Amino acid sequence: MSRPHEPLPAKRVCSVLSAVLPGVWPQVVSGLAACFGEVEIAYPERPFTHTAYYDAELGAPISRRVLAFADLAAQGSLGPDKAATNALEDALRLPDGRRRVNLDPGLLTQERFVLATGKNFTHRIYLGEGIFADLTLVFQAGSWQTLPWTFPDYASPDMLEILTDIRRRYRRDLREAASAIISSKERPCPKA
């Protein structure tokens, strides 16, 4: 019989898509930092050419930046994280209601990368409050493995390189957290 327990925390990741990225970037970063804490790294802006799906709403050409956050997060935070990014998207909307940014929050662990979405599909797990978890990639045999439903942009070599770097940072964070716990247990208790 398995006994429920909390899994290790995850590394928060957020993809930012926009046709006006330089203009909204400061607001995006400050808004995300207010929700998720300090941004550990923001990867360079890259053209987003994998689909025209967002062009009608966001405009074109669209570019992407990916951020990773310093603080680790409980794996159960994915649904609330998506609600927070939806609120930030709404706050940054144009007066006519169109979005200026598309924010895709996710959680990265040693084994997987999961994105949050408001869209249902056969492989997505409902988290509540209208949010689903999308298992986007799995890490096996030393590299990221795509799945039949992995979005082409998340299967691209540049994105896999970014996620590999974030995974390396995440593993470092886990080692540091484990060392801190061990060090605190080794300290003698102060005398009363």
N, C-alpha and C. Protein backbone atom coordinates (compact mmCIF):
# COMPACT_ATOMS: atom_id res chain seq x y z
N MET A 1 0.84 -1.17 0.00
CA MET A 1 0.00 0.00 0.00
C MET A 1 0.90 1.24 0.00
N SER A 2 0.57 2.17 -0.87
CA SER A 2 1.33 3.42 -0.87
C SER A 2 0.75 4.37 0.16
N ARG A 3 1.62 5.13 0.78
CA ARG A 3 1.21 6.12 1.78
C ARG A 3 1.42 7.51 1.19
N PRO A 4 0.40 8.35 1.20
CA PRO A 4 0.55 9.69 0.66
C PRO A 4 1.65 10.47 1.39
N HIS A 5 2.42 11.20 0.63
CA HIS A 5 3.44 12.09 1.19
C HIS A 5 3.70 13.22 0.19
N GLU A 6 4.25 14.29 0.69
CA GLU A 6 4.56 15.42 -0.18
C GLU A 6 5.79 15.09 -1.02
N PRO A 7 5.71 15.30 -2.34
CA PRO A 7 6.90 15.09 -3.17
C PRO A 7 7.87 16.25 -2.99
N LEU A 8 9.06 16.07 -3.51
CA LEU A 8 10.04 17.17 -3.50
C LEU A 8 9.44 18.39 -4.18
N PRO A 9 9.84 19.57 -3.78
CA PRO A 9 9.35 20.76 -4.47
C PRO A 9 9.89 20.81 -5.90
N ALA A 10 9.32 21.67 -6.71
CA ALA A 10 9.67 21.78 -8.13
C ALA A 10 10.25 23.16 -8.41
N LYS A 11 10.83 23.29 -9.58
CA LYS A 11 11.35 24.57 -10.07
C LYS A 11 10.27 25.22 -10.91
N ARG A 12 9.90 26.45 -10.54
CA ARG A 12 8.91 27.19 -11.32
C ARG A 12 9.56 27.73 -12.58
N VAL A 13 8.81 27.60 -13.69
CA VAL A 13 9.24 28.09 -15.00
C VAL A 13 8.06 28.84 -15.60
N CYS A 14 8.34 29.89 -16.36
CA CYS A 14 7.26 30.57 -17.06
C CYS A 14 7.75 31.00 -18.43
N SER A 15 6.98 30.65 -19.45
CA SER A 15 7.23 31.09 -20.81
C SER A 15 6.38 32.33 -21.07
N VAL A 16 7.01 33.32 -21.70
CA VAL A 16 6.34 34.58 -21.99
C VAL A 16 6.36 34.78 -23.50
N LEU A 17 5.18 34.87 -24.11
CA LEU A 17 5.04 35.15 -25.54
C LEU A 17 4.44 36.53 -25.71
N SER A 18 5.01 37.32 -26.64
CA SER A 18 4.46 38.64 -26.90
C SER A 18 5.03 39.20 -28.20
N ALA A 19 4.23 40.03 -28.87
CA ALA A 19 4.72 40.75 -30.05
C ALA A 19 5.29 42.10 -29.64
N VAL A 20 5.10 42.47 -28.37
CA VAL A 20 5.62 43.75 -27.86
C VAL A 20 6.46 43.49 -26.60
N LEU A 21 7.26 42.46 -26.65
CA LEU A 21 7.97 42.00 -25.45
C LEU A 21 8.84 43.08 -24.80
N PRO A 22 9.67 43.83 -25.54
CA PRO A 22 10.49 44.84 -24.86
C PRO A 22 9.65 45.87 -24.10
N GLY A 23 8.49 46.22 -24.64
CA GLY A 23 7.64 47.22 -24.00
C GLY A 23 6.96 46.75 -22.74
N VAL A 24 6.63 45.46 -22.66
CA VAL A 24 5.91 44.94 -21.48
C VAL A 24 6.81 44.17 -20.53
N TRP A 25 8.05 43.92 -20.94
CA TRP A 25 8.94 43.07 -20.15
C TRP A 25 9.07 43.52 -18.68
N PRO A 26 9.33 44.80 -18.41
CA PRO A 26 9.46 45.19 -17.00
C PRO A 26 8.20 44.88 -16.18
N GLN A 27 7.03 45.10 -16.74
CA GLN A 27 5.78 44.81 -16.02
C GLN A 27 5.60 43.30 -15.83
N VAL A 28 5.97 42.52 -16.84
CA VAL A 28 5.86 41.07 -16.75
C VAL A 28 6.76 40.54 -15.64
N VAL A 29 8.02 40.98 -15.65
CA VAL A 29 8.97 40.48 -14.65
C VAL A 29 8.55 40.89 -13.25
N SER A 30 8.16 42.14 -13.07
CA SER A 30 7.76 42.57 -11.72
C SER A 30 6.48 41.85 -11.28
N GLY A 31 5.55 41.64 -12.19
CA GLY A 31 4.32 40.93 -11.85
C GLY A 31 4.57 39.48 -11.49
N LEU A 32 5.42 38.81 -12.26
CA LEU A 32 5.73 37.41 -11.96
C LEU A 32 6.52 37.30 -10.67
N ALA A 33 7.46 38.21 -10.45
CA ALA A 33 8.25 38.19 -9.21
C ALA A 33 7.36 38.41 -8.00
N ALA A 34 6.34 39.26 -8.14
CA ALA A 34 5.41 39.47 -7.03
C ALA A 34 4.65 38.19 -6.69
N CYS A 35 4.39 37.36 -7.69
CA CYS A 35 3.67 36.10 -7.48
C CYS A 35 4.58 34.97 -7.02
N PHE A 36 5.76 34.86 -7.65
CA PHE A 36 6.58 33.66 -7.51
C PHE A 36 7.95 33.89 -6.86
N GLY A 37 8.26 35.12 -6.53
CA GLY A 37 9.56 35.41 -5.92
C GLY A 37 10.60 35.79 -6.97
N GLU A 38 11.80 35.88 -6.52
CA GLU A 38 12.92 36.35 -7.35
C GLU A 38 13.10 35.52 -8.62
N VAL A 39 13.30 36.22 -9.74
CA VAL A 39 13.64 35.55 -10.99
C VAL A 39 15.10 35.15 -10.91
N GLU A 40 15.38 33.87 -11.03
CA GLU A 40 16.78 33.41 -11.00
C GLU A 40 17.47 33.68 -12.33
N ILE A 41 16.77 33.40 -13.42
CA ILE A 41 17.34 33.61 -14.74
C ILE A 41 16.23 33.87 -15.75
N ALA A 42 16.51 34.80 -16.65
CA ALA A 42 15.63 35.06 -17.78
C ALA A 42 16.46 34.80 -19.03
N TYR A 43 16.05 33.84 -19.80
CA TYR A 43 16.80 33.46 -21.00
C TYR A 43 16.57 34.50 -22.10
N PRO A 44 17.50 34.62 -23.02
CA PRO A 44 17.39 35.63 -24.08
C PRO A 44 16.13 35.47 -24.92
N GLU A 45 15.68 36.59 -25.44
CA GLU A 45 14.52 36.62 -26.32
C GLU A 45 14.83 35.85 -27.60
N ARG A 46 13.85 35.06 -28.04
CA ARG A 46 14.00 34.29 -29.27
C ARG A 46 12.72 34.40 -30.09
N PRO A 47 12.84 34.38 -31.41
CA PRO A 47 11.62 34.42 -32.25
C PRO A 47 10.76 33.19 -31.99
N PHE A 48 9.46 33.40 -31.99
CA PHE A 48 8.50 32.31 -31.82
C PHE A 48 7.86 32.08 -33.18
N THR A 49 8.30 31.03 -33.87
CA THR A 49 7.87 30.78 -35.25
C THR A 49 7.21 29.42 -35.42
N HIS A 50 6.87 28.76 -34.32
CA HIS A 50 6.36 27.39 -34.41
C HIS A 50 4.90 27.29 -34.82
N THR A 51 4.15 28.37 -34.63
CA THR A 51 2.73 28.38 -34.98
C THR A 51 2.27 29.82 -35.12
N ALA A 52 1.22 30.01 -35.88
CA ALA A 52 0.60 31.33 -36.01
C ALA A 52 -0.63 31.43 -35.10
N TYR A 53 -0.81 30.48 -34.21
CA TYR A 53 -2.00 30.38 -33.36
C TYR A 53 -2.28 31.68 -32.59
N TYR A 54 -1.22 32.34 -32.09
CA TYR A 54 -1.39 33.52 -31.25
C TYR A 54 -1.37 34.83 -32.03
N ASP A 55 -1.07 34.80 -33.32
CA ASP A 55 -0.86 36.03 -34.08
C ASP A 55 -2.08 36.96 -34.08
N ALA A 56 -3.27 36.42 -34.24
CA ALA A 56 -4.47 37.26 -34.33
C ALA A 56 -4.67 38.07 -33.06
N GLU A 57 -4.39 37.47 -31.91
CA GLU A 57 -4.61 38.18 -30.65
C GLU A 57 -3.39 38.99 -30.22
N LEU A 58 -2.21 38.40 -30.30
CA LEU A 58 -1.01 39.06 -29.79
C LEU A 58 -0.33 39.96 -30.81
N GLY A 59 -0.61 39.73 -32.10
CA GLY A 59 0.11 40.44 -33.14
C GLY A 59 1.29 39.61 -33.60
N ALA A 60 2.08 40.18 -34.50
CA ALA A 60 3.24 39.46 -35.03
C ALA A 60 4.31 40.47 -35.41
N PRO A 61 5.54 40.09 -35.40
CA PRO A 61 6.08 38.79 -35.01
C PRO A 61 6.12 38.63 -33.49
N ILE A 62 5.95 37.40 -33.06
CA ILE A 62 5.96 37.08 -31.64
C ILE A 62 7.35 36.58 -31.24
N SER A 63 7.75 36.96 -30.04
CA SER A 63 8.99 36.41 -29.50
C SER A 63 8.70 35.81 -28.13
N ARG A 64 9.66 35.02 -27.66
CA ARG A 64 9.49 34.31 -26.39
C ARG A 64 10.71 34.55 -25.51
N ARG A 65 10.42 34.63 -24.21
CA ARG A 65 11.47 34.54 -23.20
C ARG A 65 10.99 33.54 -22.16
N VAL A 66 11.93 32.81 -21.60
CA VAL A 66 11.64 31.83 -20.57
C VAL A 66 12.33 32.28 -19.29
N LEU A 67 11.61 32.20 -18.18
CA LEU A 67 12.15 32.55 -16.88
C LEU A 67 12.11 31.35 -15.96
N ALA A 68 13.08 31.27 -15.06
CA ALA A 68 13.07 30.31 -13.96
C ALA A 68 13.21 31.10 -12.67
N PHE A 69 12.57 30.62 -11.62
CA PHE A 69 12.51 31.36 -10.36
C PHE A 69 13.40 30.71 -9.31
N ALA A 70 13.91 31.54 -8.41
CA ALA A 70 14.87 31.08 -7.41
C ALA A 70 14.23 30.15 -6.39
N ASP A 71 13.03 30.48 -5.93
CA ASP A 71 12.39 29.69 -4.88
C ASP A 71 11.73 28.44 -5.47
N LEU A 72 11.95 27.32 -4.82
CA LEU A 72 11.26 26.09 -5.22
C LEU A 72 9.81 26.17 -4.75
N ALA A 73 8.95 25.43 -5.44
CA ALA A 73 7.51 25.50 -5.19
C ALA A 73 6.95 24.11 -4.94
N ALA A 74 5.92 24.05 -4.12
CA ALA A 74 5.21 22.79 -3.92
C ALA A 74 4.60 22.36 -5.25
N GLN A 75 4.64 21.08 -5.54
CA GLN A 75 4.09 20.60 -6.81
C GLN A 75 2.59 20.84 -6.92
N GLY A 76 1.93 21.00 -5.81
CA GLY A 76 0.50 21.29 -5.81
C GLY A 76 0.18 22.74 -6.17
N SER A 77 1.20 23.55 -6.45
CA SER A 77 0.97 24.97 -6.73
C SER A 77 0.65 25.27 -8.19
N LEU A 78 0.66 24.28 -9.05
CA LEU A 78 0.50 24.54 -10.48
C LEU A 78 -0.83 25.22 -10.81
N GLY A 79 -1.92 24.77 -10.25
CA GLY A 79 -3.22 25.40 -10.52
C GLY A 79 -3.25 26.86 -10.07
N PRO A 80 -2.89 27.15 -8.81
CA PRO A 80 -2.84 28.54 -8.38
C PRO A 80 -1.84 29.39 -9.20
N ASP A 81 -0.75 28.77 -9.63
CA ASP A 81 0.21 29.52 -10.46
C ASP A 81 -0.45 29.97 -11.76
N LYS A 82 -1.24 29.10 -12.38
CA LYS A 82 -1.92 29.46 -13.63
C LYS A 82 -2.96 30.56 -13.37
N ALA A 83 -3.67 30.48 -12.27
CA ALA A 83 -4.63 31.53 -11.93
C ALA A 83 -3.91 32.87 -11.77
N ALA A 84 -2.73 32.86 -11.17
CA ALA A 84 -1.95 34.09 -10.99
C ALA A 84 -1.48 34.65 -12.33
N THR A 85 -1.02 33.79 -13.23
CA THR A 85 -0.56 34.29 -14.53
C THR A 85 -1.74 34.77 -15.38
N ASN A 86 -2.90 34.11 -15.24
CA ASN A 86 -4.09 34.61 -15.94
C ASN A 86 -4.44 36.02 -15.47
N ALA A 87 -4.35 36.26 -14.17
CA ALA A 87 -4.65 37.59 -13.62
C ALA A 87 -3.65 38.62 -14.14
N LEU A 88 -2.39 38.24 -14.26
CA LEU A 88 -1.38 39.16 -14.78
C LEU A 88 -1.63 39.45 -16.26
N GLU A 89 -1.97 38.41 -17.04
CA GLU A 89 -2.34 38.64 -18.44
C GLU A 89 -3.49 39.64 -18.54
N ASP A 90 -4.50 39.47 -17.69
CA ASP A 90 -5.65 40.38 -17.71
C ASP A 90 -5.24 41.81 -17.36
N ALA A 91 -4.35 41.95 -16.39
CA ALA A 91 -3.91 43.29 -15.98
C ALA A 91 -3.14 44.00 -17.09
N LEU A 92 -2.53 43.23 -17.98
CA LEU A 92 -1.72 43.80 -19.06
C LEU A 92 -2.47 43.90 -20.39
N ARG A 93 -3.76 43.58 -20.40
CA ARG A 93 -4.54 43.62 -21.64
C ARG A 93 -4.60 45.03 -22.22
N LEU A 94 -4.77 45.08 -23.54
CA LEU A 94 -5.02 46.34 -24.22
C LEU A 94 -6.42 46.83 -23.90
N PRO A 95 -6.71 48.12 -24.10
CA PRO A 95 -8.06 48.63 -23.83
C PRO A 95 -9.17 47.89 -24.60
N ASP A 96 -8.83 47.35 -25.79
CA ASP A 96 -9.85 46.62 -26.56
C ASP A 96 -10.03 45.18 -26.09
N GLY A 97 -9.30 44.78 -25.05
CA GLY A 97 -9.45 43.44 -24.48
C GLY A 97 -8.46 42.40 -24.96
N ARG A 98 -7.70 42.72 -26.03
CA ARG A 98 -6.72 41.74 -26.52
C ARG A 98 -5.55 41.63 -25.54
N ARG A 99 -5.03 40.41 -25.45
CA ARG A 99 -3.86 40.21 -24.60
C ARG A 99 -2.61 40.77 -25.27
N ARG A 100 -1.69 41.26 -24.45
CA ARG A 100 -0.38 41.66 -24.95
C ARG A 100 0.65 40.56 -24.69
N VAL A 101 0.33 39.67 -23.75
CA VAL A 101 1.24 38.58 -23.41
C VAL A 101 0.46 37.29 -23.21
N ASN A 102 1.12 36.19 -23.48
CA ASN A 102 0.62 34.86 -23.14
C ASN A 102 1.64 34.28 -22.17
N LEU A 103 1.17 33.92 -20.98
CA LEU A 103 2.06 33.39 -19.95
C LEU A 103 1.73 31.92 -19.72
N ASP A 104 2.74 31.09 -19.84
CA ASP A 104 2.58 29.65 -19.62
C ASP A 104 3.43 29.22 -18.44
N PRO A 105 2.83 29.11 -17.24
CA PRO A 105 3.60 28.63 -16.09
C PRO A 105 3.73 27.11 -16.12
N GLY A 106 4.84 26.65 -15.57
CA GLY A 106 5.07 25.22 -15.48
C GLY A 106 5.91 24.87 -14.28
N LEU A 107 5.98 23.59 -13.99
CA LEU A 107 6.83 23.08 -12.93
C LEU A 107 7.76 22.03 -13.50
N LEU A 108 9.03 22.17 -13.17
CA LEU A 108 10.04 21.24 -13.64
C LEU A 108 10.59 20.46 -12.45
N THR A 109 10.64 19.14 -12.59
CA THR A 109 11.24 18.26 -11.59
C THR A 109 12.33 17.46 -12.29
N GLN A 110 12.96 16.58 -11.55
CA GLN A 110 13.99 15.74 -12.16
C GLN A 110 13.40 14.83 -13.24
N GLU A 111 12.13 14.46 -13.08
CA GLU A 111 11.51 13.47 -13.96
C GLU A 111 10.67 14.05 -15.09
N ARG A 112 10.19 15.30 -14.92
CA ARG A 112 9.18 15.78 -15.87
C ARG A 112 9.13 17.29 -15.94
N PHE A 113 8.47 17.76 -17.00
CA PHE A 113 8.11 19.17 -17.14
C PHE A 113 6.62 19.22 -17.42
N VAL A 114 5.88 19.94 -16.56
CA VAL A 114 4.43 20.00 -16.65
C VAL A 114 4.01 21.46 -16.81
N LEU A 115 3.17 21.73 -17.80
CA LEU A 115 2.62 23.06 -18.00
C LEU A 115 1.19 23.10 -17.49
N ALA A 116 0.75 24.30 -17.12
CA ALA A 116 -0.65 24.51 -16.73
C ALA A 116 -1.39 25.10 -17.92
N THR A 117 -2.64 24.70 -18.08
CA THR A 117 -3.46 25.19 -19.18
C THR A 117 -4.93 25.24 -18.77
N GLY A 118 -5.67 26.06 -19.44
CA GLY A 118 -7.11 26.10 -19.22
C GLY A 118 -7.87 25.26 -20.22
N LYS A 119 -7.14 24.57 -21.10
CA LYS A 119 -7.77 23.78 -22.16
C LYS A 119 -7.70 22.29 -21.83
N ASN A 120 -8.82 21.62 -21.91
CA ASN A 120 -8.88 20.18 -21.67
C ASN A 120 -8.42 19.42 -22.92
N PHE A 121 -7.85 18.25 -22.70
CA PHE A 121 -7.52 17.32 -23.77
C PHE A 121 -7.36 15.94 -23.15
N THR A 122 -7.27 14.92 -23.97
CA THR A 122 -7.30 13.54 -23.48
C THR A 122 -6.23 13.23 -22.44
N HIS A 123 -5.04 13.77 -22.58
CA HIS A 123 -3.93 13.43 -21.68
C HIS A 123 -3.78 14.39 -20.50
N ARG A 124 -4.63 15.40 -20.41
CA ARG A 124 -4.50 16.42 -19.36
C ARG A 124 -5.31 16.04 -18.13
N ILE A 125 -4.75 16.35 -16.98
CA ILE A 125 -5.37 16.02 -15.70
C ILE A 125 -5.96 17.29 -15.10
N TYR A 126 -7.22 17.21 -14.71
CA TYR A 126 -7.90 18.37 -14.14
C TYR A 126 -7.39 18.63 -12.73
N LEU A 127 -7.03 19.89 -12.46
CA LEU A 127 -6.51 20.28 -11.15
C LEU A 127 -7.55 21.02 -10.31
N GLY A 128 -8.64 21.47 -10.95
CA GLY A 128 -9.64 22.27 -10.26
C GLY A 128 -9.57 23.71 -10.73
N GLU A 129 -10.65 24.45 -10.46
CA GLU A 129 -10.72 25.86 -10.81
C GLU A 129 -10.50 26.12 -12.31
N GLY A 130 -10.85 25.16 -13.16
CA GLY A 130 -10.73 25.33 -14.60
C GLY A 130 -9.33 25.15 -15.15
N ILE A 131 -8.41 24.59 -14.37
CA ILE A 131 -7.01 24.44 -14.77
C ILE A 131 -6.67 22.95 -14.92
N PHE A 132 -5.91 22.65 -15.97
CA PHE A 132 -5.44 21.29 -16.24
C PHE A 132 -3.91 21.25 -16.22
N ALA A 133 -3.36 20.09 -15.90
CA ALA A 133 -1.92 19.85 -15.96
C ALA A 133 -1.61 19.11 -17.25
N ASP A 134 -0.63 19.61 -18.01
CA ASP A 134 -0.22 19.01 -19.27
C ASP A 134 1.19 18.44 -19.09
N LEU A 135 1.31 17.12 -19.07
CA LEU A 135 2.62 16.49 -19.02
C LEU A 135 3.28 16.73 -20.38
N THR A 136 4.22 17.65 -20.42
CA THR A 136 4.79 18.12 -21.69
C THR A 136 6.01 17.33 -22.11
N LEU A 137 6.90 17.04 -21.16
CA LEU A 137 8.13 16.30 -21.44
C LEU A 137 8.46 15.41 -20.25
N VAL A 138 9.16 14.31 -20.50
CA VAL A 138 9.69 13.48 -19.42
C VAL A 138 11.20 13.39 -19.61
N PHE A 139 11.91 13.24 -18.48
CA PHE A 139 13.37 13.13 -18.53
C PHE A 139 13.73 11.68 -18.25
N GLN A 140 14.28 11.01 -19.26
CA GLN A 140 14.67 9.60 -19.14
C GLN A 140 15.96 9.37 -19.89
N ALA A 141 16.77 8.46 -19.38
CA ALA A 141 18.01 8.06 -20.05
C ALA A 141 18.90 9.26 -20.39
N GLY A 142 18.90 10.25 -19.48
CA GLY A 142 19.81 11.38 -19.62
C GLY A 142 19.36 12.51 -20.52
N SER A 143 18.12 12.49 -21.01
CA SER A 143 17.66 13.59 -21.86
C SER A 143 16.15 13.71 -21.82
N TRP A 144 15.66 14.84 -22.31
CA TRP A 144 14.23 15.08 -22.38
C TRP A 144 13.63 14.24 -23.50
N GLN A 145 12.51 13.61 -23.21
CA GLN A 145 11.79 12.80 -24.18
C GLN A 145 10.46 13.48 -24.50
N THR A 146 10.18 13.63 -25.77
CA THR A 146 8.90 14.22 -26.16
C THR A 146 7.82 13.14 -26.10
N LEU A 147 6.61 13.60 -26.08
CA LEU A 147 5.45 12.73 -26.04
C LEU A 147 4.61 13.02 -27.28
N PRO A 148 3.68 12.15 -27.63
CA PRO A 148 2.90 12.38 -28.86
C PRO A 148 2.22 13.75 -28.90
N TRP A 149 1.92 14.33 -27.75
CA TRP A 149 1.21 15.60 -27.68
C TRP A 149 2.11 16.79 -27.36
N THR A 150 3.41 16.57 -27.22
CA THR A 150 4.31 17.68 -26.91
C THR A 150 4.22 18.74 -27.99
N PHE A 151 4.00 20.00 -27.58
CA PHE A 151 3.96 21.10 -28.55
C PHE A 151 5.30 21.19 -29.26
N PRO A 152 5.31 21.45 -30.58
CA PRO A 152 6.57 21.50 -31.33
C PRO A 152 7.58 22.49 -30.75
N ASP A 153 7.11 23.62 -30.22
CA ASP A 153 8.06 24.58 -29.66
C ASP A 153 8.75 24.04 -28.42
N TYR A 154 8.07 23.21 -27.64
CA TYR A 154 8.70 22.61 -26.46
C TYR A 154 9.58 21.41 -26.81
N ALA A 155 9.47 20.93 -28.03
CA ALA A 155 10.33 19.84 -28.50
C ALA A 155 11.55 20.36 -29.25
N SER A 156 11.63 21.67 -29.45
CA SER A 156 12.73 22.24 -30.24
C SER A 156 14.05 22.16 -29.48
N PRO A 157 15.15 22.03 -30.19
CA PRO A 157 16.46 21.92 -29.53
C PRO A 157 16.77 23.09 -28.60
N ASP A 158 16.41 24.32 -28.99
CA ASP A 158 16.73 25.45 -28.11
C ASP A 158 15.93 25.40 -26.82
N MET A 159 14.66 24.99 -26.88
CA MET A 159 13.87 24.88 -25.65
C MET A 159 14.38 23.74 -24.78
N LEU A 160 14.74 22.62 -25.39
CA LEU A 160 15.27 21.50 -24.61
C LEU A 160 16.58 21.89 -23.93
N GLU A 161 17.38 22.72 -24.58
CA GLU A 161 18.62 23.21 -23.99
C GLU A 161 18.31 24.09 -22.76
N ILE A 162 17.34 24.97 -22.90
CA ILE A 162 16.93 25.82 -21.78
C ILE A 162 16.43 24.97 -20.62
N LEU A 163 15.56 24.01 -20.91
CA LEU A 163 15.01 23.17 -19.84
C LEU A 163 16.07 22.30 -19.19
N THR A 164 17.07 21.89 -19.95
CA THR A 164 18.18 21.13 -19.38
C THR A 164 18.97 22.01 -18.41
N ASP A 165 19.18 23.26 -18.77
CA ASP A 165 19.87 24.18 -17.87
C ASP A 165 19.05 24.41 -16.61
N ILE A 166 17.74 24.58 -16.76
CA ILE A 166 16.88 24.78 -15.58
C ILE A 166 16.90 23.53 -14.71
N ARG A 167 16.91 22.36 -15.32
CA ARG A 167 16.98 21.12 -14.54
C ARG A 167 18.28 21.04 -13.76
N ARG A 168 19.38 21.45 -14.38
CA ARG A 168 20.68 21.47 -13.69
C ARG A 168 20.60 22.41 -12.47
N ARG A 169 20.00 23.58 -12.66
CA ARG A 169 19.84 24.53 -11.56
C ARG A 169 18.94 23.94 -10.46
N TYR A 170 17.90 23.25 -10.86
CA TYR A 170 16.99 22.62 -9.90
C TYR A 170 17.72 21.57 -9.07
N ARG A 171 18.51 20.74 -9.72
CA ARG A 171 19.26 19.70 -9.00
C ARG A 171 20.24 20.33 -8.02
N ARG A 172 20.85 21.44 -8.41
CA ARG A 172 21.73 22.18 -7.50
C ARG A 172 20.94 22.66 -6.29
N ASP A 173 19.74 23.21 -6.52
CA ASP A 173 18.90 23.70 -5.43
C ASP A 173 18.55 22.57 -4.46
N LEU A 174 18.24 21.40 -5.00
CA LEU A 174 17.91 20.26 -4.14
C LEU A 174 19.12 19.85 -3.30
N ARG A 175 20.31 19.82 -3.91
CA ARG A 175 21.52 19.47 -3.16
C ARG A 175 21.78 20.48 -2.04
N GLU A 176 21.63 21.77 -2.36
CA GLU A 176 21.86 22.81 -1.35
C GLU A 176 20.85 22.69 -0.21
N ALA A 177 19.61 22.42 -0.54
CA ALA A 177 18.58 22.26 0.50
C ALA A 177 18.89 21.06 1.38
N ALA A 178 19.32 19.95 0.76
CA ALA A 178 19.66 18.76 1.53
C ALA A 178 20.86 19.03 2.42
N SER A 179 21.87 19.75 1.91
CA SER A 179 23.04 20.09 2.72
C SER A 179 22.67 20.96 3.90
N ALA A 180 21.77 21.90 3.69
CA ALA A 180 21.35 22.78 4.78
C ALA A 180 20.63 21.99 5.87
N ILE A 181 19.82 21.02 5.47
CA ILE A 181 19.11 20.19 6.46
C ILE A 181 20.11 19.35 7.24
N ILE A 182 21.07 18.75 6.54
CA ILE A 182 22.08 17.92 7.21
C ILE A 182 22.92 18.78 8.14
N SER A 183 23.33 19.96 7.69
CA SER A 183 24.15 20.84 8.53
C SER A 183 23.41 21.25 9.78
N SER A 184 22.12 21.54 9.66
CA SER A 184 21.36 21.97 10.84
C SER A 184 21.20 20.82 11.83
N LYS A 185 21.17 19.58 11.35
CA LYS A 185 21.04 18.43 12.24
C LYS A 185 22.36 18.13 12.94
N GLU A 186 23.49 18.50 12.33
CA GLU A 186 24.80 18.21 12.89
C GLU A 186 25.20 19.21 13.96
N ARG A 187 24.58 20.38 13.98
CA ARG A 187 24.93 21.40 14.97
C ARG A 187 24.48 20.93 16.34
N PRO A 188 25.37 21.11 17.34
CA PRO A 188 24.93 20.76 18.69
C PRO A 188 23.89 21.74 19.19
N CYS A 189 23.01 21.26 20.02
CA CYS A 189 21.98 22.12 20.61
C CYS A 189 22.66 23.05 21.61
N PRO A 190 22.23 24.32 21.65
CA PRO A 190 22.84 25.21 22.65
C PRO A 190 22.48 24.78 24.07
N LYS A 191 23.39 25.03 24.98
CA LYS A 191 23.15 24.69 26.40
C LYS A 191 22.17 25.70 26.97
N ALA A 192 21.30 25.21 27.81
CA ALA A 192 20.30 26.08 28.43
C ALA A 192 20.89 26.89 29.57
